Amino acid sequence: MRKASRLDRPTAYGLALILGGALGNVFDRIVSGAVTDFLDFYVGTLHWPAFNVADSAIVIGSGLLLISLLRPKQQTAGA
């Protein structure tokens, strides 16, 4: 936690979303015994797999971490 201020924003937000999503799924599992998927989408006859907000946070957080890894880092002067 002491080195969190050294993280760039996409990395910090990505890690926070992943941790929050994981904690949300753990909470759901403890309280109801299962993770409840409640977002269910259809496009015509095509069905997208059901998911919940915690799953969405994990996926978005992973995407932010991937963007952070692929983006070139700026070197500070004298480093």
N, C-alpha and C. Protein backbone atom coordinates (compact mmCIF):
# COMPACT_ATOMS: atom_id res chain seq x y z
N MET A 1 0.81 -1.20 0.00
CA MET A 1 0.00 0.00 0.00
C MET A 1 0.86 1.26 0.00
N ARG A 2 2.05 1.21 0.59
CA ARG A 2 2.90 2.39 0.64
C ARG A 2 3.36 2.81 -0.75
N LYS A 3 3.49 1.86 -1.66
CA LYS A 3 3.98 2.17 -3.00
C LYS A 3 2.85 2.42 -3.99
N ALA A 4 1.62 2.45 -3.50
CA ALA A 4 0.47 2.65 -4.40
C ALA A 4 0.53 4.00 -5.09
N SER A 5 1.14 5.00 -4.47
CA SER A 5 1.20 6.33 -5.08
C SER A 5 2.13 6.33 -6.30
N ARG A 6 2.97 5.32 -6.44
CA ARG A 6 3.86 5.22 -7.60
C ARG A 6 3.19 4.62 -8.82
N LEU A 7 2.00 4.06 -8.65
CA LEU A 7 1.30 3.44 -9.77
C LEU A 7 0.66 4.51 -10.65
N ASP A 8 0.63 4.23 -11.96
CA ASP A 8 -0.10 5.13 -12.84
C ASP A 8 -1.59 4.87 -12.68
N ARG A 9 -2.42 5.78 -13.17
CA ARG A 9 -3.86 5.67 -12.95
C ARG A 9 -4.49 4.40 -13.51
N PRO A 10 -4.21 4.01 -14.76
CA PRO A 10 -4.83 2.77 -15.25
C PRO A 10 -4.49 1.55 -14.39
N THR A 11 -3.26 1.46 -13.92
CA THR A 11 -2.87 0.33 -13.09
C THR A 11 -3.60 0.38 -11.75
N ALA A 12 -3.64 1.54 -11.12
CA ALA A 12 -4.30 1.67 -9.82
C ALA A 12 -5.80 1.38 -9.94
N TYR A 13 -6.45 1.95 -10.96
CA TYR A 13 -7.87 1.69 -11.16
C TYR A 13 -8.13 0.24 -11.52
N GLY A 14 -7.27 -0.33 -12.35
CA GLY A 14 -7.43 -1.74 -12.73
C GLY A 14 -7.34 -2.66 -11.53
N LEU A 15 -6.33 -2.45 -10.70
CA LEU A 15 -6.18 -3.28 -9.50
C LEU A 15 -7.36 -3.09 -8.54
N ALA A 16 -7.83 -1.84 -8.41
CA ALA A 16 -8.97 -1.59 -7.54
C ALA A 16 -10.24 -2.28 -8.06
N LEU A 17 -10.45 -2.24 -9.37
CA LEU A 17 -11.63 -2.90 -9.94
C LEU A 17 -11.56 -4.42 -9.79
N ILE A 18 -10.37 -4.99 -10.00
CA ILE A 18 -10.22 -6.43 -9.85
C ILE A 18 -10.47 -6.85 -8.40
N LEU A 19 -9.87 -6.11 -7.45
CA LEU A 19 -10.05 -6.42 -6.04
C LEU A 19 -11.51 -6.25 -5.63
N GLY A 20 -12.13 -5.15 -6.06
CA GLY A 20 -13.54 -4.92 -5.74
C GLY A 20 -14.46 -5.99 -6.32
N GLY A 21 -14.21 -6.38 -7.56
CA GLY A 21 -15.02 -7.43 -8.18
C GLY A 21 -14.85 -8.77 -7.49
N ALA A 22 -13.61 -9.09 -7.14
CA ALA A 22 -13.36 -10.35 -6.44
C ALA A 22 -14.04 -10.35 -5.07
N LEU A 23 -13.93 -9.23 -4.34
CA LEU A 23 -14.59 -9.14 -3.03
C LEU A 23 -16.11 -9.21 -3.16
N GLY A 24 -16.64 -8.61 -4.22
CA GLY A 24 -18.08 -8.69 -4.46
C GLY A 24 -18.54 -10.12 -4.70
N ASN A 25 -17.78 -10.87 -5.48
CA ASN A 25 -18.12 -12.28 -5.73
C ASN A 25 -17.97 -13.11 -4.46
N VAL A 26 -16.93 -12.85 -3.66
CA VAL A 26 -16.75 -13.58 -2.40
C VAL A 26 -17.90 -13.28 -1.45
N PHE A 27 -18.28 -12.00 -1.35
CA PHE A 27 -19.40 -11.62 -0.50
C PHE A 27 -20.68 -12.34 -0.93
N ASP A 28 -20.96 -12.34 -2.22
CA ASP A 28 -22.13 -13.03 -2.75
C ASP A 28 -22.09 -14.51 -2.41
N ARG A 29 -20.92 -15.12 -2.56
CA ARG A 29 -20.76 -16.55 -2.28
C ARG A 29 -21.01 -16.84 -0.80
N ILE A 30 -20.53 -15.98 0.10
CA ILE A 30 -20.71 -16.20 1.54
C ILE A 30 -22.17 -15.99 1.94
N VAL A 31 -22.79 -14.92 1.45
CA VAL A 31 -24.14 -14.57 1.86
C VAL A 31 -25.19 -15.52 1.27
N SER A 32 -25.11 -15.78 -0.03
CA SER A 32 -26.17 -16.58 -0.66
C SER A 32 -25.72 -17.98 -1.08
N GLY A 33 -24.44 -18.29 -0.91
CA GLY A 33 -23.95 -19.63 -1.27
C GLY A 33 -23.60 -19.78 -2.74
N ALA A 34 -23.87 -18.75 -3.53
CA ALA A 34 -23.56 -18.79 -4.95
C ALA A 34 -23.45 -17.36 -5.46
N VAL A 35 -22.73 -17.20 -6.54
CA VAL A 35 -22.64 -15.89 -7.17
C VAL A 35 -23.82 -15.74 -8.11
N THR A 36 -24.61 -14.71 -7.89
CA THR A 36 -25.83 -14.50 -8.66
C THR A 36 -25.52 -13.70 -9.92
N ASP A 37 -25.79 -14.29 -11.06
CA ASP A 37 -25.65 -13.58 -12.33
C ASP A 37 -27.00 -12.98 -12.68
N PHE A 38 -27.02 -11.67 -12.89
CA PHE A 38 -28.32 -11.03 -13.10
C PHE A 38 -28.41 -10.15 -14.33
N LEU A 39 -27.34 -10.03 -15.09
CA LEU A 39 -27.42 -9.29 -16.35
C LEU A 39 -27.43 -10.31 -17.48
N ASP A 40 -28.52 -10.36 -18.18
CA ASP A 40 -28.72 -11.38 -19.21
C ASP A 40 -29.19 -10.69 -20.48
N PHE A 41 -28.41 -10.81 -21.55
CA PHE A 41 -28.72 -10.08 -22.78
C PHE A 41 -28.99 -11.03 -23.95
N TYR A 42 -29.95 -10.63 -24.76
CA TYR A 42 -30.27 -11.34 -26.00
C TYR A 42 -30.22 -10.35 -27.15
N VAL A 43 -29.71 -10.77 -28.29
CA VAL A 43 -29.77 -10.00 -29.53
C VAL A 43 -30.41 -10.93 -30.54
N GLY A 44 -31.69 -10.71 -30.76
CA GLY A 44 -32.43 -11.64 -31.61
C GLY A 44 -32.48 -13.00 -30.92
N THR A 45 -31.95 -14.01 -31.60
CA THR A 45 -31.91 -15.34 -31.00
C THR A 45 -30.55 -15.64 -30.35
N LEU A 46 -29.60 -14.71 -30.48
CA LEU A 46 -28.29 -14.91 -29.88
C LEU A 46 -28.33 -14.53 -28.40
N HIS A 47 -27.72 -15.38 -27.58
CA HIS A 47 -27.71 -15.16 -26.14
C HIS A 47 -26.29 -14.94 -25.65
N TRP A 48 -26.06 -13.81 -24.99
CA TRP A 48 -24.77 -13.53 -24.38
C TRP A 48 -24.77 -14.18 -22.99
N PRO A 49 -23.67 -14.79 -22.56
CA PRO A 49 -23.65 -15.42 -21.24
C PRO A 49 -23.99 -14.41 -20.13
N ALA A 50 -24.74 -14.87 -19.14
CA ALA A 50 -25.15 -14.01 -18.03
C ALA A 50 -23.93 -13.64 -17.18
N PHE A 51 -23.96 -12.44 -16.62
CA PHE A 51 -22.86 -11.99 -15.76
C PHE A 51 -23.39 -11.00 -14.75
N ASN A 52 -22.55 -10.61 -13.80
CA ASN A 52 -22.95 -9.63 -12.80
C ASN A 52 -22.00 -8.44 -12.81
N VAL A 53 -22.26 -7.46 -11.98
CA VAL A 53 -21.45 -6.25 -11.95
C VAL A 53 -20.03 -6.56 -11.50
N ALA A 54 -19.87 -7.48 -10.54
CA ALA A 54 -18.53 -7.84 -10.07
C ALA A 54 -17.71 -8.44 -11.21
N ASP A 55 -18.32 -9.29 -12.01
CA ASP A 55 -17.62 -9.86 -13.16
C ASP A 55 -17.21 -8.76 -14.14
N SER A 56 -18.10 -7.79 -14.34
CA SER A 56 -17.79 -6.67 -15.24
C SER A 56 -16.61 -5.87 -14.72
N ALA A 57 -16.56 -5.64 -13.41
CA ALA A 57 -15.46 -4.89 -12.81
C ALA A 57 -14.14 -5.63 -13.01
N ILE A 58 -14.15 -6.94 -12.86
CA ILE A 58 -12.94 -7.73 -13.04
C ILE A 58 -12.45 -7.65 -14.49
N VAL A 59 -13.36 -7.74 -15.44
CA VAL A 59 -12.99 -7.69 -16.85
C VAL A 59 -12.46 -6.30 -17.22
N ILE A 60 -13.13 -5.24 -16.76
CA ILE A 60 -12.67 -3.88 -17.06
C ILE A 60 -11.32 -3.63 -16.40
N GLY A 61 -11.15 -4.09 -15.16
CA GLY A 61 -9.87 -3.93 -14.47
C GLY A 61 -8.75 -4.65 -15.17
N SER A 62 -9.03 -5.85 -15.67
CA SER A 62 -8.02 -6.59 -16.43
C SER A 62 -7.64 -5.87 -17.71
N GLY A 63 -8.64 -5.27 -18.36
CA GLY A 63 -8.36 -4.49 -19.56
C GLY A 63 -7.49 -3.29 -19.27
N LEU A 64 -7.76 -2.61 -18.16
CA LEU A 64 -6.92 -1.46 -17.78
C LEU A 64 -5.49 -1.89 -17.49
N LEU A 65 -5.31 -3.03 -16.82
CA LEU A 65 -3.96 -3.52 -16.57
C LEU A 65 -3.26 -3.86 -17.87
N LEU A 66 -3.98 -4.45 -18.80
CA LEU A 66 -3.39 -4.78 -20.10
C LEU A 66 -2.97 -3.52 -20.84
N ILE A 67 -3.82 -2.51 -20.82
CA ILE A 67 -3.47 -1.23 -21.46
C ILE A 67 -2.23 -0.65 -20.80
N SER A 68 -2.17 -0.71 -19.49
CA SER A 68 -1.03 -0.16 -18.76
C SER A 68 0.26 -0.90 -19.10
N LEU A 69 0.16 -2.21 -19.29
CA LEU A 69 1.35 -3.00 -19.63
C LEU A 69 1.84 -2.73 -21.05
N LEU A 70 0.90 -2.48 -21.97
CA LEU A 70 1.27 -2.29 -23.37
C LEU A 70 1.70 -0.88 -23.69
N ARG A 71 1.33 0.08 -22.85
CA ARG A 71 1.68 1.47 -23.09
C ARG A 71 3.14 1.72 -22.71
N PRO A 72 3.88 2.43 -23.56
CA PRO A 72 5.29 2.70 -23.21
C PRO A 72 5.37 3.61 -21.98
N LYS A 73 6.32 3.33 -21.13
CA LYS A 73 6.53 4.11 -19.91
C LYS A 73 7.46 5.28 -20.19
N GLN A 74 7.23 6.39 -19.54
CA GLN A 74 8.09 7.56 -19.67
C GLN A 74 9.20 7.47 -18.64
N GLN A 75 10.42 7.72 -19.07
CA GLN A 75 11.57 7.72 -18.16
C GLN A 75 11.70 9.10 -17.53
N THR A 76 11.96 9.12 -16.24
CA THR A 76 12.19 10.40 -15.58
C THR A 76 13.63 10.84 -15.82
N ALA A 77 13.87 12.12 -15.79
CA ALA A 77 15.22 12.64 -16.02
C ALA A 77 16.17 12.16 -14.93
N GLY A 78 17.32 11.67 -15.33
CA GLY A 78 18.32 11.20 -14.38
C GLY A 78 18.12 9.77 -13.93
N ALA A 79 17.14 9.06 -14.51
CA ALA A 79 16.90 7.68 -14.08
C ALA A 79 17.64 6.71 -14.95
